[in-house]
Amino acid sequence: MDSQRFLPKGAISVDVPYDGPPKTFYFLLLPKTTMLAFSAAIEPLRISNQLARKQLFEWYVLSPDGAPVTCSNGIGIQVDHQMHDLSKEAYTFVCSGTEPMASLDPTVLNWIRRQKAHGCEFGGICTGAFALAKAGLIGSKRFTVHWENRPGFCENFSAMVPSQNLYEIDGQLRTCGGGHASTDMMLEVIEEMFGNALAVSVSEMCLHRRAGDSDSQQISSVSAVLGTRNAKLIEAVQIMRDYIESPLSLEAVAKQASLSRRHMERLFRQHTNMSPGQFYNNLRLDRAFALLSETDLSVSEIAFAAGFSSTDRLSVHFRSRYKISPHNFRRSWAQDGAQK
């Protein structure tokens, strides 16, 4: 065992009554992995060893071909190995980030399936669930992805709906939305394996306030986003969010929220500085932008998924907001990806 790598020195310690072999974790990095999510998952393992003064964990970093992986921030990470067959006792996490569908190489998917069949436990970090879903590992289990990528996931895998929670642990499947949610998920794993005292101490060493449980939501509530506690406005916005693909008339939104049309308009003007129609339209354009960025759906399919009656209607509104047509945006996005 490499004590210099896996067993750093520290100033404090926690008694962990465990004398077994270290738990082995592998992290498969796919192109444009988010560095924050990846590092936030590994550091709790390092700190656990440091506090216990024994090697509870060991971790290794993989890439599909053994070459360094360039993260979404442009920084390259050296890896330990290329993909290879792992011990059935291994815990393996697929780490992904921006453009998750573009990183789903068949060799990666076949490797995931082979390791799962061999007995490895799998998890996904940030958008790692895209690869797990494509490889057939999710099924009916609870899981999550980063909230930004949720619309794209739902369009690509319509039979599976990710939760909006920070992380999910359902049997042997562990997934998180990335960012600091990686730390929350790993603290849960540490507690499961070695007890609450160690997990609490690791959290304190990370200067991290635990979310409390996996039911904590990834994104702020509507009230926090709008800066208001007006229940009727919050309800109206949630109704709009629920009806993106098949948008309701403003009269129907107001009726469902038990508001008059005029009262609803006053609330939106007061709290968002927009009309209800403008606000609703922006929600639909947000959806179109996400789908153009992260799916292979045609522009016409995206138009309907975002609640626009035609490609032309989407183009008019998209160009007005983003100063580029949907087709040119898709083309420039693809060119940027090819150059990188």
C-alpha atoms as a PDB file:
ATOM      1  CA  MET A   1       0.000   0.000   0.000  1.00  0.00           C
ATOM      2  CA  ASP A   2       1.276   3.464  -0.892  1.00  0.00           C
ATOM      3  CA  SER A   3       1.219   5.195   2.526  1.00  0.00           C
ATOM      4  CA  GLN A   4       2.683   8.431   1.176  1.00  0.00           C
ATOM      5  CA  ARG A   5      -0.193   8.817  -1.251  1.00  0.00           C
ATOM      6  CA  PHE A   6      -3.074   7.487   0.791  1.00  0.00           C
ATOM      7  CA  LEU A   7      -2.102   8.218   4.382  1.00  0.00           C
ATOM      8  CA  PRO A   8      -1.221  11.903   4.903  1.00  0.00           C
ATOM      9  CA  LYS A   9      -0.223  13.277   8.284  1.00  0.00           C
ATOM     10  CA  GLY A  10      -2.576  15.456  10.275  1.00  0.00           C
ATOM     11  CA  ALA A  11      -2.813  17.295  13.587  1.00  0.00           C
ATOM     12  CA  ILE A  12      -5.988  15.606  14.915  1.00  0.00           C
ATOM     13  CA  SER A  13      -7.332  12.072  14.913  1.00  0.00           C
ATOM     14  CA  VAL A  14     -10.543  10.096  15.260  1.00  0.00           C
ATOM     15  CA  ASP A  15     -10.690   6.569  16.646  1.00  0.00           C
ATOM     16  CA  VAL A  16     -12.031   4.242  13.942  1.00  0.00           C
ATOM     17  CA  PRO A  17     -12.155   0.596  15.083  1.00  0.00           C
ATOM     18  CA  TYR A  18     -11.461  -0.984  11.711  1.00  0.00           C
ATOM     19  CA  ASP A  19      -8.579  -3.281  10.787  1.00  0.00           C
ATOM     20  CA  GLY A  20      -9.730  -4.600   7.433  1.00  0.00           C
ATOM     21  CA  PRO A  21      -8.423  -3.859   3.944  1.00  0.00           C
ATOM     22  CA  PRO A  22      -8.989  -0.388   2.489  1.00  0.00           C
ATOM     23  CA  LYS A  23     -12.115   0.264   0.464  1.00  0.00           C
ATOM     24  CA  THR A  24     -11.080   0.801  -3.162  1.00  0.00           C
ATOM     25  CA  PHE A  25     -12.633   3.593  -5.216  1.00  0.00           C
ATOM     26  CA  TYR A  26     -12.141   4.233  -8.925  1.00  0.00           C
ATOM     27  CA  PHE A  27     -13.089   7.463 -10.664  1.00  0.00           C
ATOM     28  CA  LEU A  28     -13.540   7.277 -14.429  1.00  0.00           C
ATOM     29  CA  LEU A  29     -13.062  10.766 -15.852  1.00  0.00           C
ATOM     30  CA  LEU A  30     -14.835  11.523 -19.112  1.00  0.00           C
ATOM     31  CA  PRO A  31     -14.012  14.532 -21.333  1.00  0.00           C
ATOM     32  CA  LYS A  32     -14.968  17.913 -19.840  1.00  0.00           C
ATOM     33  CA  THR A  33     -15.426  16.513 -16.351  1.00  0.00           C
ATOM     34  CA  THR A  34     -16.176  19.235 -13.796  1.00  0.00           C
ATOM     35  CA  MET A  35     -13.115  19.498 -11.570  1.00  0.00           C
ATOM     36  CA  LEU A  36     -14.998  20.782  -8.526  1.00  0.00           C
ATOM     37  CA  ALA A  37     -17.317  17.769  -8.444  1.00  0.00           C
ATOM     38  CA  PHE A  38     -14.446  15.312  -8.936  1.00  0.00           C
ATOM     39  CA  SER A  39     -12.176  16.809  -6.268  1.00  0.00           C
ATOM     40  CA  ALA A  40     -15.077  17.257  -3.839  1.00  0.00           C
ATOM     41  CA  ALA A  41     -15.624  13.494  -4.001  1.00  0.00           C
ATOM     42  CA  ILE A  42     -11.989  12.477  -3.438  1.00  0.00           C
ATOM     43  CA  GLU A  43     -11.040  14.865  -0.622  1.00  0.00           C
ATOM     44  CA  PRO A  44     -13.380  13.302   1.977  1.00  0.00           C
ATOM     45  CA  LEU A  45     -11.647   9.963   1.355  1.00  0.00           C
ATOM     46  CA  ARG A  46      -8.213  11.506   1.913  1.00  0.00           C
ATOM     47  CA  ILE A  47      -9.330  13.297   5.051  1.00  0.00           C
ATOM     48  CA  SER A  48     -10.880  10.098   6.407  1.00  0.00           C
ATOM     49  CA  ASN A  49      -7.516   8.342   6.187  1.00  0.00           C
ATOM     50  CA  GLN A  50      -5.785  11.345   7.755  1.00  0.00           C
ATOM     51  CA  LEU A  51      -8.158  11.491  10.710  1.00  0.00           C
ATOM     52  CA  ALA A  52      -8.214   7.725  11.287  1.00  0.00           C
ATOM     53  CA  ARG A  53      -4.423   7.488  10.933  1.00  0.00           C
ATOM     54  CA  LYS A  54      -4.976   4.348   8.937  1.00  0.00           C
ATOM     55  CA  GLN A  55      -5.796   3.547   5.347  1.00  0.00           C
ATOM     56  CA  LEU A  56      -9.565   3.231   5.207  1.00  0.00           C
ATOM     57  CA  PHE A  57      -9.710   4.159   1.526  1.00  0.00           C
ATOM     58  CA  GLU A  58      -7.595   4.059  -1.582  1.00  0.00           C
ATOM     59  CA  TRP A  59      -8.549   5.731  -4.835  1.00  0.00           C
ATOM     60  CA  TYR A  60      -7.444   5.596  -8.438  1.00  0.00           C
ATOM     61  CA  VAL A  61      -8.269   7.743 -11.435  1.00  0.00           C
ATOM     62  CA  LEU A  62      -9.048   6.246 -14.824  1.00  0.00           C
ATOM     63  CA  SER A  63      -9.590   7.577 -18.312  1.00  0.00           C
ATOM     64  CA  PRO A  64     -10.840   5.638 -21.337  1.00  0.00           C
ATOM     65  CA  ASP A  65      -7.383   5.428 -22.932  1.00  0.00           C
ATOM     66  CA  GLY A  66      -5.036   6.279 -20.040  1.00  0.00           C
ATOM     67  CA  ALA A  67      -4.357   9.764 -21.411  1.00  0.00           C
ATOM     68  CA  PRO A  68      -4.850  12.920 -19.307  1.00  0.00           C
ATOM     69  CA  VAL A  69      -8.391  14.252 -19.246  1.00  0.00           C
ATOM     70  CA  THR A  70      -9.155  17.902 -19.902  1.00  0.00           C
ATOM     71  CA  CYS A  71     -11.746  19.221 -17.473  1.00  0.00           C
ATOM     72  CA  SER A  72     -14.472  21.698 -18.299  1.00  0.00           C
ATOM     73  CA  ASN A  73     -12.222  24.499 -17.004  1.00  0.00           C
ATOM     74  CA  GLY A  74      -9.453  23.562 -19.467  1.00  0.00           C
ATOM     75  CA  ILE A  75      -7.126  22.037 -16.871  1.00  0.00           C
ATOM     76  CA  GLY A  76      -5.730  18.588 -17.602  1.00  0.00           C
ATOM     77  CA  ILE A  77      -5.683  15.823 -14.996  1.00  0.00           C
ATOM     78  CA  GLN A  78      -3.185  12.969 -15.064  1.00  0.00           C
ATOM     79  CA  VAL A  79      -4.744   9.571 -14.449  1.00  0.00           C
ATOM     80  CA  ASP A  80      -3.425   6.377 -12.906  1.00  0.00           C
ATOM     81  CA  HIS A  81      -4.630   3.895 -15.507  1.00  0.00           C
ATOM     82  CA  GLN A  82      -6.717   3.423 -18.579  1.00  0.00           C
ATOM     83  CA  MET A  83      -9.947   1.468 -18.206  1.00  0.00           C
ATOM     84  CA  HIS A  84      -9.274  -2.136 -17.194  1.00  0.00           C
ATOM     85  CA  ASP A  85     -11.094  -4.946 -15.443  1.00  0.00           C
ATOM     86  CA  LEU A  86     -11.614  -4.181 -11.755  1.00  0.00           C
ATOM     87  CA  SER A  87     -12.111  -6.236  -8.630  1.00  0.00           C
ATOM     88  CA  LYS A  88     -15.757  -6.934  -7.849  1.00  0.00           C
ATOM     89  CA  GLU A  89     -15.222  -5.218  -4.476  1.00  0.00           C
ATOM     90  CA  ALA A  90     -14.439  -1.903  -6.199  1.00  0.00           C
ATOM     91  CA  TYR A  91     -16.646   1.169  -5.972  1.00  0.00           C
ATOM     92  CA  THR A  92     -16.618   2.994  -9.294  1.00  0.00           C
ATOM     93  CA  PHE A  93     -17.859   6.489 -10.092  1.00  0.00           C
ATOM     94  CA  VAL A  94     -18.311   7.887 -13.578  1.00  0.00           C
ATOM     95  CA  CYS A  95     -17.411  11.590 -13.544  1.00  0.00           C
ATOM     96  CA  SER A  96     -18.720  13.772 -16.330  1.00  0.00           C
ATOM     97  CA  GLY A  97     -19.577  17.415 -16.832  1.00  0.00           C
ATOM     98  CA  THR A  98     -20.490  19.628 -19.753  1.00  0.00           C
ATOM     99  CA  GLU A  99     -21.698  18.018 -23.001  1.00  0.00           C
ATOM    100  CA  PRO A 100     -22.325  14.632 -21.373  1.00  0.00           C
ATOM    101  CA  MET A 101     -23.892  12.983 -24.420  1.00  0.00           C
ATOM    102  CA  ALA A 102     -20.792  13.738 -26.500  1.00  0.00           C
ATOM    103  CA  SER A 103     -18.622  11.674 -24.147  1.00  0.00           C
ATOM    104  CA  LEU A 104     -20.613   8.435 -24.430  1.00  0.00           C
ATOM    105  CA  ASP A 105     -18.143   6.393 -26.422  1.00  0.00           C
ATOM    106  CA  PRO A 106     -19.239   2.769 -27.045  1.00  0.00           C
ATOM    107  CA  THR A 107     -16.013   1.464 -25.478  1.00  0.00           C
ATOM    108  CA  VAL A 108     -16.857   3.342 -22.268  1.00  0.00           C
ATOM    109  CA  LEU A 109     -20.412   1.994 -22.189  1.00  0.00           C
ATOM    110  CA  ASN A 110     -19.253  -1.576 -22.828  1.00  0.00           C
ATOM    111  CA  TRP A 111     -16.624  -1.258 -20.074  1.00  0.00           C
ATOM    112  CA  ILE A 112     -19.276  -0.051 -17.605  1.00  0.00           C
ATOM    113  CA  ARG A 113     -21.558  -2.959 -18.483  1.00  0.00           C
ATOM    114  CA  ARG A 114     -18.702  -5.464 -18.144  1.00  0.00           C
ATOM    115  CA  GLN A 115     -17.598  -4.186 -14.726  1.00  0.00           C
ATOM    116  CA  LYS A 116     -21.198  -4.138 -13.480  1.00  0.00           C
ATOM    117  CA  ALA A 117     -21.683  -7.734 -14.629  1.00  0.00           C
ATOM    118  CA  HIS A 118     -18.484  -8.613 -12.766  1.00  0.00           C
ATOM    119  CA  GLY A 119     -19.990  -7.221  -9.538  1.00  0.00           C
ATOM    120  CA  CYS A 120     -18.665  -3.651  -9.217  1.00  0.00           C
ATOM    121  CA  GLU A 121     -20.861  -1.032  -7.597  1.00  0.00           C
ATOM    122  CA  PHE A 122     -21.348   2.087  -9.702  1.00  0.00           C
ATOM    123  CA  GLY A 123     -22.187   5.709  -9.186  1.00  0.00           C
ATOM    124  CA  GLY A 124     -22.379   8.922 -11.166  1.00  0.00           C
ATOM    125  CA  ILE A 125     -20.990  12.352 -10.344  1.00  0.00           C
ATOM    126  CA  CYS A 126     -22.436  15.539 -11.888  1.00  0.00           C
ATOM    127  CA  THR A 127     -23.665  14.219 -15.256  1.00  0.00           C
ATOM    128  CA  GLY A 128     -22.211  10.736 -14.843  1.00  0.00           C
ATOM    129  CA  ALA A 129     -25.752   9.346 -14.787  1.00  0.00           C
ATOM    130  CA  PHE A 130     -25.964   9.951 -18.559  1.00  0.00           C
ATOM    131  CA  ALA A 131     -23.396   7.186 -19.095  1.00  0.00           C
ATOM    132  CA  LEU A 132     -24.993   4.926 -16.491  1.00  0.00           C
ATOM    133  CA  ALA A 133     -28.408   5.355 -18.122  1.00  0.00           C
ATOM    134  CA  LYS A 134     -27.052   4.667 -21.596  1.00  0.00           C
ATOM    135  CA  ALA A 135     -25.251   1.573 -20.277  1.00  0.00           C
ATOM    136  CA  GLY A 136     -28.495   0.285 -18.744  1.00  0.00           C
ATOM    137  CA  LEU A 137     -27.502   0.539 -15.061  1.00  0.00           C
ATOM    138  CA  ILE A 138     -30.250   2.802 -13.731  1.00  0.00           C
ATOM    139  CA  GLY A 139     -33.536   1.126 -14.559  1.00  0.00           C
ATOM    140  CA  SER A 140     -36.123   2.023 -11.913  1.00  0.00           C
ATOM    141  CA  LYS A 141     -33.649   3.179  -9.265  1.00  0.00           C
ATOM    142  CA  ARG A 142     -33.640   6.682  -7.777  1.00  0.00           C
ATOM    143  CA  PHE A 143     -30.901   8.889  -9.200  1.00  0.00           C
ATOM    144  CA  THR A 144     -30.009  12.484  -9.929  1.00  0.00           C
ATOM    145  CA  VAL A 145     -27.954  14.690 -12.249  1.00  0.00           C
ATOM    146  CA  HIS A 146     -26.947  18.344 -12.091  1.00  0.00           C
ATOM    147  CA  TRP A 147     -30.056  20.529 -12.388  1.00  0.00           C
ATOM    148  CA  GLU A 148     -28.683  22.333 -15.446  1.00  0.00           C
ATOM    149  CA  ASN A 149     -28.570  19.050 -17.360  1.00  0.00           C
ATOM    150  CA  ARG A 150     -31.908  17.681 -16.184  1.00  0.00           C
ATOM    151  CA  PRO A 151     -33.951  18.836 -19.251  1.00  0.00           C
ATOM    152  CA  GLY A 152     -31.432  17.309 -21.632  1.00  0.00           C
ATOM    153  CA  PHE A 153     -31.406  14.060 -19.700  1.00  0.00           C
ATOM    154  CA  CYS A 154     -35.194  13.818 -19.755  1.00  0.00           C
ATOM    155  CA  GLU A 155     -35.295  14.350 -23.510  1.00  0.00           C
ATOM    156  CA  ASN A 156     -32.578  11.748 -24.145  1.00  0.00           C
ATOM    157  CA  PHE A 157     -33.938   9.186 -21.666  1.00  0.00           C
ATOM    158  CA  SER A 158     -37.653   9.840 -21.476  1.00  0.00           C
ATOM    159  CA  ALA A 159     -38.389   6.703 -19.438  1.00  0.00           C
ATOM    160  CA  MET A 160     -36.168   7.855 -16.539  1.00  0.00           C
ATOM    161  CA  VAL A 161     -36.729  10.972 -14.442  1.00  0.00           C
ATOM    162  CA  PRO A 162     -33.886  12.220 -12.223  1.00  0.00           C
ATOM    163  CA  SER A 163     -34.755  13.670  -8.855  1.00  0.00           C
ATOM    164  CA  GLN A 164     -33.891  17.264  -8.021  1.00  0.00           C
ATOM    165  CA  ASN A 165     -32.067  16.238  -4.843  1.00  0.00           C
ATOM    166  CA  LEU A 166     -28.410  16.868  -4.095  1.00  0.00           C
ATOM    167  CA  TYR A 167     -27.641  13.162  -4.160  1.00  0.00           C
ATOM    168  CA  GLU A 168     -29.378   9.819  -4.231  1.00  0.00           C
ATOM    169  CA  ILE A 169     -28.320   6.463  -2.806  1.00  0.00           C
ATOM    170  CA  ASP A 170     -30.536   3.581  -3.905  1.00  0.00           C
ATOM    171  CA  GLY A 171     -28.967   0.267  -3.031  1.00  0.00           C
ATOM    172  CA  GLN A 172     -25.695  -0.024  -4.921  1.00  0.00           C
ATOM    173  CA  LEU A 173     -26.375   3.017  -7.120  1.00  0.00           C
ATOM    174  CA  ARG A 174     -24.965   6.322  -5.844  1.00  0.00           C
ATOM    175  CA  THR A 175     -25.400   9.546  -7.813  1.00  0.00           C
ATOM    176  CA  CYS A 176     -25.039  13.247  -7.098  1.00  0.00           C
ATOM    177  CA  GLY A 177     -25.592  16.535  -8.870  1.00  0.00           C
ATOM    178  CA  GLY A 178     -21.924  17.507  -8.698  1.00  0.00           C
ATOM    179  CA  GLY A 179     -20.307  20.517  -7.075  1.00  0.00           C
ATOM    180  CA  HIS A 180     -20.335  20.275  -3.295  1.00  0.00           C
ATOM    181  CA  ALA A 181     -23.071  17.645  -3.510  1.00  0.00           C
ATOM    182  CA  SER A 182     -20.200  15.235  -4.200  1.00  0.00           C
ATOM    183  CA  THR A 183     -18.947  15.898  -0.689  1.00  0.00           C
ATOM    184  CA  ASP A 184     -22.420  15.345   0.781  1.00  0.00           C
ATOM    185  CA  MET A 185     -22.723  12.021  -1.011  1.00  0.00           C
ATOM    186  CA  MET A 186     -19.275  10.844   0.084  1.00  0.00           C
ATOM    187  CA  LEU A 187     -19.962  11.862   3.690  1.00  0.00           C
ATOM    188  CA  GLU A 188     -23.021   9.606   3.553  1.00  0.00           C
ATOM    189  CA  VAL A 189     -20.844   6.782   2.215  1.00  0.00           C
ATOM    190  CA  ILE A 190     -18.262   7.353   4.973  1.00  0.00           C
ATOM    191  CA  GLU A 191     -20.976   7.305   7.624  1.00  0.00           C
ATOM    192  CA  GLU A 192     -22.426   4.114   6.166  1.00  0.00           C
ATOM    193  CA  MET A 193     -19.036   2.398   6.216  1.00  0.00           C
ATOM    194  CA  PHE A 194     -17.336   3.804   9.308  1.00  0.00           C
ATOM    195  CA  GLY A 195     -19.899   5.631  11.420  1.00  0.00           C
ATOM    196  CA  ASN A 196     -21.272   9.071  12.140  1.00  0.00           C
ATOM    197  CA  ALA A 197     -18.349  10.322  14.249  1.00  0.00           C
ATOM    198  CA  LEU A 198     -15.907  10.038  11.366  1.00  0.00           C
ATOM    199  CA  ALA A 199     -18.345  11.576   8.873  1.00  0.00           C
ATOM    200  CA  VAL A 200     -18.950  14.565  11.151  1.00  0.00           C
ATOM    201  CA  SER A 201     -15.203  15.081  11.667  1.00  0.00           C
ATOM    202  CA  VAL A 202     -14.529  14.884   7.916  1.00  0.00           C
ATOM    203  CA  SER A 203     -17.280  17.434   7.315  1.00  0.00           C
ATOM    204  CA  GLU A 204     -15.682  19.786   9.836  1.00  0.00           C
ATOM    205  CA  MET A 205     -12.248  19.350   8.249  1.00  0.00           C
ATOM    206  CA  CYS A 206     -13.778  20.257   4.871  1.00  0.00           C
ATOM    207  CA  LEU A 207     -15.393  23.343   6.474  1.00  0.00           C
ATOM    208  CA  HIS A 208     -18.530  21.935   4.935  1.00  0.00           C
ATOM    209  CA  ARG A 209     -22.009  22.140   6.382  1.00  0.00           C
ATOM    210  CA  ARG A 210     -23.770  18.895   5.546  1.00  0.00           C
ATOM    211  CA  ALA A 211     -27.085  19.157   3.736  1.00  0.00           C
ATOM    212  CA  GLY A 212     -28.643  16.869   6.325  1.00  0.00           C
ATOM    213  CA  ASP A 213     -30.023  14.214   4.005  1.00  0.00           C
ATOM    214  CA  SER A 214     -30.347  13.351   0.343  1.00  0.00           C
ATOM    215  CA  ASP A 215     -33.778  15.003   0.139  1.00  0.00           C
ATOM    216  CA  SER A 216     -32.166  18.461   0.110  1.00  0.00           C
ATOM    217  CA  GLN A 217     -32.891  20.166  -3.199  1.00  0.00           C
ATOM    218  CA  GLN A 218     -30.183  21.213  -5.650  1.00  0.00           C
ATOM    219  CA  ILE A 219     -31.682  24.562  -6.568  1.00  0.00           C
ATOM    220  CA  SER A 220     -33.225  27.321  -4.557  1.00  0.00           C
ATOM    221  CA  SER A 221     -36.949  27.426  -4.093  1.00  0.00           C
ATOM    222  CA  VAL A 222     -38.985  29.697  -6.345  1.00  0.00           C
ATOM    223  CA  SER A 223     -39.411  32.085  -3.428  1.00  0.00           C
ATOM    224  CA  ALA A 224     -35.644  32.441  -3.039  1.00  0.00           C
ATOM    225  CA  VAL A 225     -35.129  33.039  -6.745  1.00  0.00           C
ATOM    226  CA  LEU A 226     -37.849  35.666  -6.937  1.00  0.00           C
ATOM    227  CA  GLY A 227     -36.965  37.251  -3.612  1.00  0.00           C
ATOM    228  CA  THR A 228     -40.576  37.072  -2.457  1.00  0.00           C
ATOM    229  CA  ARG A 229     -42.785  34.966  -0.240  1.00  0.00           C
ATOM    230  CA  ASN A 230     -45.935  35.862  -2.118  1.00  0.00           C
ATOM    231  CA  ALA A 231     -47.611  32.449  -2.252  1.00  0.00           C
ATOM    232  CA  LYS A 232     -49.758  33.234  -5.277  1.00  0.00           C
ATOM    233  CA  LEU A 233     -46.857  34.447  -7.404  1.00  0.00           C
ATOM    234  CA  ILE A 234     -44.800  31.404  -6.415  1.00  0.00           C
ATOM    235  CA  GLU A 235     -47.693  29.153  -7.351  1.00  0.00           C
ATOM    236  CA  ALA A 236     -48.108  30.847 -10.733  1.00  0.00           C
ATOM    237  CA  VAL A 237     -44.396  30.445 -11.547  1.00  0.00           C
ATOM    238  CA  GLN A 238     -44.480  26.775 -10.556  1.00  0.00           C
ATOM    239  CA  ILE A 239     -47.474  26.208 -12.810  1.00  0.00           C
ATOM    240  CA  MET A 240     -45.536  27.771 -15.691  1.00  0.00           C
ATOM    241  CA  ARG A 241     -42.556  25.500 -14.956  1.00  0.00           C
ATOM    242  CA  ASP A 242     -44.829  22.470 -14.941  1.00  0.00           C
ATOM    243  CA  TYR A 243     -46.295  23.366 -18.336  1.00  0.00           C
ATOM    244  CA  ILE A 244     -43.266  24.145 -20.506  1.00  0.00           C
ATOM    245  CA  GLU A 245     -43.886  21.656 -23.307  1.00  0.00           C
ATOM    246  CA  SER A 246     -47.618  22.338 -23.470  1.00  0.00           C
ATOM    247  CA  PRO A 247     -47.895  25.943 -22.290  1.00  0.00           C
ATOM    248  CA  LEU A 248     -51.117  27.154 -20.782  1.00  0.00           C
ATOM    249  CA  SER A 249     -52.774  30.408 -21.664  1.00  0.00           C
ATOM    250  CA  LEU A 250     -52.143  33.176 -19.151  1.00  0.00           C
ATOM    251  CA  GLU A 251     -55.822  33.037 -18.251  1.00  0.00           C
ATOM    252  CA  ALA A 252     -55.438  29.336 -17.415  1.00  0.00           C
ATOM    253  CA  VAL A 253     -52.322  29.998 -15.324  1.00  0.00           C
ATOM    254  CA  ALA A 254     -54.153  32.703 -13.391  1.00  0.00           C
ATOM    255  CA  LYS A 255     -57.172  30.450 -12.882  1.00  0.00           C
ATOM    256  CA  GLN A 256     -55.060  27.548 -11.572  1.00  0.00           C
ATOM    257  CA  ALA A 257     -53.314  29.941  -9.178  1.00  0.00           C
ATOM    258  CA  SER A 258     -56.706  31.364  -8.075  1.00  0.00           C
ATOM    259  CA  LEU A 259     -55.763  34.807  -9.352  1.00  0.00           C
ATOM    260  CA  SER A 260     -57.412  37.297 -11.648  1.00  0.00           C
ATOM    261  CA  ARG A 261     -55.433  38.000 -14.825  1.00  0.00           C
ATOM    262  CA  ARG A 262     -54.964  41.641 -13.763  1.00  0.00           C
ATOM    263  CA  HIS A 263     -53.769  40.724 -10.255  1.00  0.00           C
ATOM    264  CA  MET A 264     -51.279  38.221 -11.691  1.00  0.00           C
ATOM    265  CA  GLU A 265     -49.896  40.854 -14.051  1.00  0.00           C
ATOM    266  CA  ARG A 266     -49.416  43.289 -11.163  1.00  0.00           C
ATOM    267  CA  LEU A 267     -47.538  40.654  -9.145  1.00  0.00           C
ATOM    268  CA  PHE A 268     -45.176  39.815 -11.998  1.00  0.00           C
ATOM    269  CA  ARG A 269     -44.488  43.488 -12.746  1.00  0.00           C
ATOM    270  CA  GLN A 270     -43.826  44.195  -9.073  1.00  0.00           C
ATOM    271  CA  HIS A 271     -41.540  41.226  -8.341  1.00  0.00           C
ATOM    272  CA  THR A 272     -39.903  40.348 -11.685  1.00  0.00           C
ATOM    273  CA  ASN A 273     -40.162  43.577 -13.673  1.00  0.00           C
ATOM    274  CA  MET A 274     -41.665  41.488 -16.480  1.00  0.00           C
ATOM    275  CA  SER A 275     -45.110  40.672 -17.695  1.00  0.00           C
ATOM    276  CA  PRO A 276     -46.338  37.121 -17.064  1.00  0.00           C
ATOM    277  CA  GLY A 277     -46.032  36.449 -20.793  1.00  0.00           C
ATOM    278  CA  GLN A 278     -42.396  37.589 -20.901  1.00  0.00           C
ATOM    279  CA  PHE A 279     -41.529  35.521 -17.845  1.00  0.00           C
ATOM    280  CA  TYR A 280     -43.201  32.400 -19.255  1.00  0.00           C
ATOM    281  CA  ASN A 281     -41.498  32.892 -22.610  1.00  0.00           C
ATOM    282  CA  ASN A 282     -38.099  33.140 -20.939  1.00  0.00           C
ATOM    283  CA  LEU A 283     -38.684  29.858 -19.108  1.00  0.00           C
ATOM    284  CA  ARG A 284     -39.409  28.191 -22.449  1.00  0.00           C
ATOM    285  CA  LEU A 285     -36.337  29.761 -24.071  1.00  0.00           C
ATOM    286  CA  ASP A 286     -34.213  28.513 -21.178  1.00  0.00           C
ATOM    287  CA  ARG A 287     -35.456  25.011 -21.988  1.00  0.00           C
ATOM    288  CA  ALA A 288     -34.700  25.421 -25.690  1.00  0.00           C
ATOM    289  CA  PHE A 289     -31.188  26.704 -24.950  1.00  0.00           C
ATOM    290  CA  ALA A 290     -30.480  23.667 -22.750  1.00  0.00           C
ATOM    291  CA  LEU A 291     -31.773  21.196 -25.311  1.00  0.00           C
ATOM    292  CA  LEU A 292     -29.812  22.799 -28.153  1.00  0.00           C
ATOM    293  CA  SER A 293     -26.675  22.540 -26.015  1.00  0.00           C
ATOM    294  CA  GLU A 294     -27.047  18.998 -24.721  1.00  0.00           C
ATOM    295  CA  THR A 295     -29.128  16.876 -27.064  1.00  0.00           C
ATOM    296  CA  ASP A 296     -29.083  15.733 -30.661  1.00  0.00           C
ATOM    297  CA  LEU A 297     -32.752  16.591 -31.100  1.00  0.00           C
ATOM    298  CA  SER A 298     -33.565  18.499 -34.253  1.00  0.00           C
ATOM    299  CA  VAL A 299     -34.419  22.173 -33.935  1.00  0.00           C
ATOM    300  CA  SER A 300     -38.031  21.393 -34.818  1.00  0.00           C
ATOM    301  CA  GLU A 301     -38.215  18.762 -32.063  1.00  0.00           C
ATOM    302  CA  ILE A 302     -36.709  21.239 -29.606  1.00  0.00           C
ATOM    303  CA  ALA A 303     -39.216  23.897 -30.639  1.00  0.00           C
ATOM    304  CA  PHE A 304     -42.106  21.645 -29.664  1.00  0.00           C
ATOM    305  CA  ALA A 305     -40.359  20.407 -26.488  1.00  0.00           C
ATOM    306  CA  ALA A 306     -40.030  24.047 -25.406  1.00  0.00           C
ATOM    307  CA  GLY A 307     -43.665  24.832 -26.155  1.00  0.00           C
ATOM    308  CA  PHE A 308     -43.293  26.719 -29.449  1.00  0.00           C
ATOM    309  CA  SER A 309     -45.775  26.003 -32.205  1.00  0.00           C
ATOM    310  CA  SER A 310     -43.128  25.959 -34.948  1.00  0.00           C
ATOM    311  CA  THR A 311     -39.423  26.289 -35.662  1.00  0.00           C
ATOM    312  CA  ASP A 312     -40.062  29.776 -36.993  1.00  0.00           C
ATOM    313  CA  ARG A 313     -41.672  30.880 -33.719  1.00  0.00           C
ATOM    314  CA  LEU A 314     -38.751  29.531 -31.737  1.00  0.00           C
ATOM    315  CA  SER A 315     -36.274  31.239 -34.084  1.00  0.00           C
ATOM    316  CA  VAL A 316     -37.916  34.647 -33.701  1.00  0.00           C
ATOM    317  CA  HIS A 317     -37.879  34.547 -29.909  1.00  0.00           C
ATOM    318  CA  PHE A 318     -34.476  32.842 -29.645  1.00  0.00           C
ATOM    319  CA  ARG A 319     -32.807  35.405 -31.901  1.00  0.00           C
ATOM    320  CA  SER A 320     -34.434  38.256 -29.980  1.00  0.00           C
ATOM    321  CA  ARG A 321     -32.995  37.030 -26.691  1.00  0.00           C
ATOM    322  CA  TYR A 322     -29.658  35.456 -27.678  1.00  0.00           C
ATOM    323  CA  LYS A 323     -28.839  37.427 -30.846  1.00  0.00           C
ATOM    324  CA  ILE A 324     -28.328  34.231 -32.831  1.00  0.00           C
ATOM    325  CA  SER A 325     -30.636  31.776 -34.548  1.00  0.00           C
ATOM    326  CA  PRO A 326     -31.113  28.290 -33.057  1.00  0.00           C
ATOM    327  CA  HIS A 327     -29.507  26.686 -36.123  1.00  0.00           C
ATOM    328  CA  ASN A 328     -26.433  28.941 -35.965  1.00  0.00           C
ATOM    329  CA  PHE A 329     -26.189  28.451 -32.207  1.00  0.00           C
ATOM    330  CA  ARG A 330     -26.217  24.668 -32.670  1.00  0.00           C
ATOM    331  CA  ARG A 331     -23.627  24.964 -35.442  1.00  0.00           C
ATOM    332  CA  SER A 332     -21.286  27.203 -33.416  1.00  0.00           C
ATOM    333  CA  TRP A 333     -21.640  24.922 -30.383  1.00  0.00           C
ATOM    334  CA  ALA A 334     -20.672  21.886 -32.473  1.00  0.00           C
ATOM    335  CA  GLN A 335     -17.701  23.726 -33.996  1.00  0.00           C
ATOM    336  CA  ASP A 336     -16.422  24.815 -30.596  1.00  0.00           C
ATOM    337  CA  GLY A 337     -16.641  21.232 -29.345  1.00  0.00           C
ATOM    338  CA  ALA A 338     -14.768  19.885 -32.374  1.00  0.00           C
ATOM    339  CA  GLN A 339     -11.960  22.426 -31.954  1.00  0.00           C
ATOM    340  CA  LYS A 340     -11.514  21.455 -28.290  1.00  0.00           C
END
